[in-house]
Amino acid sequence: MRRLRERGAPQEWIDDAVADAVLGRALIPTVFQATGGVHDGLAARVLSWARR
């Protein structure tokens, strides 16, 4: 939301983005995080998850 507001997006776009995020989280509850700027294994973890 913050990035959309900073870019001057209309509230309707922000509301749509939030609604989409809610639906997406309901469909795919798995969260992948890369903390500390280390992304070496992130793609491999996502690919492994997708292949399941």
Protein backbone atom coordinates (compact mmCIF):
# COMPACT_ATOMS: atom_id res chain seq x y z
CA MET A 1 0.00 0.00 0.00
CA ARG A 2 2.73 2.42 0.94
CA ARG A 3 4.46 2.15 -2.42
CA LEU A 4 1.23 2.71 -4.31
CA ARG A 5 0.46 5.77 -2.20
CA GLU A 6 3.96 7.13 -2.71
CA ARG A 7 3.46 6.78 -6.46
CA GLY A 8 0.19 8.69 -6.32
CA ALA A 9 -2.07 5.74 -7.15
CA PRO A 10 -5.79 6.37 -6.80
CA GLN A 11 -7.46 4.85 -3.72
CA GLU A 12 -9.43 2.51 -5.99
CA TRP A 13 -6.18 0.93 -7.22
CA ILE A 14 -4.94 0.56 -3.65
CA ASP A 15 -8.21 -1.07 -2.58
CA ASP A 16 -8.01 -3.48 -5.54
CA ALA A 17 -4.41 -4.36 -4.70
CA VAL A 18 -5.30 -5.10 -1.09
CA ALA A 19 -8.25 -7.28 -2.16
CA ASP A 20 -5.99 -9.16 -4.60
CA ALA A 21 -3.43 -9.74 -1.85
CA VAL A 22 -6.08 -11.15 0.47
CA LEU A 23 -7.22 -13.60 -2.22
CA GLY A 24 -3.66 -14.55 -3.09
CA ARG A 25 -2.79 -15.28 0.52
CA ALA A 26 -5.88 -17.46 0.85
CA LEU A 27 -4.90 -19.47 -2.24
CA ILE A 28 -1.18 -19.69 -1.53
CA PRO A 29 -0.47 -19.38 2.19
CA THR A 30 3.21 -20.31 1.81
CA VAL A 31 5.52 -17.34 2.41
CA PHE A 32 9.10 -17.21 1.20
CA GLN A 33 11.47 -14.79 2.86
CA ALA A 34 14.98 -13.74 2.08
CA THR A 35 16.36 -12.00 5.14
CA GLY A 36 19.54 -10.07 5.52
CA GLY A 37 20.01 -9.65 1.79
CA VAL A 38 20.97 -13.31 1.34
CA HIS A 39 19.02 -14.68 -1.62
CA ASP A 40 21.19 -17.63 -2.60
CA GLY A 41 18.74 -20.37 -1.72
CA LEU A 42 15.48 -18.51 -2.29
CA ALA A 43 14.94 -19.53 -5.93
CA ALA A 44 15.72 -23.15 -5.09
CA ARG A 45 13.20 -23.13 -2.22
CA VAL A 46 10.50 -21.61 -4.44
CA LEU A 47 11.18 -24.12 -7.22
CA SER A 48 11.09 -27.02 -4.77
CA TRP A 49 7.77 -25.79 -3.39
CA ALA A 50 6.29 -25.36 -6.89
CA ARG A 51 7.28 -28.89 -7.89
CA ARG A 52 5.42 -30.41 -4.93
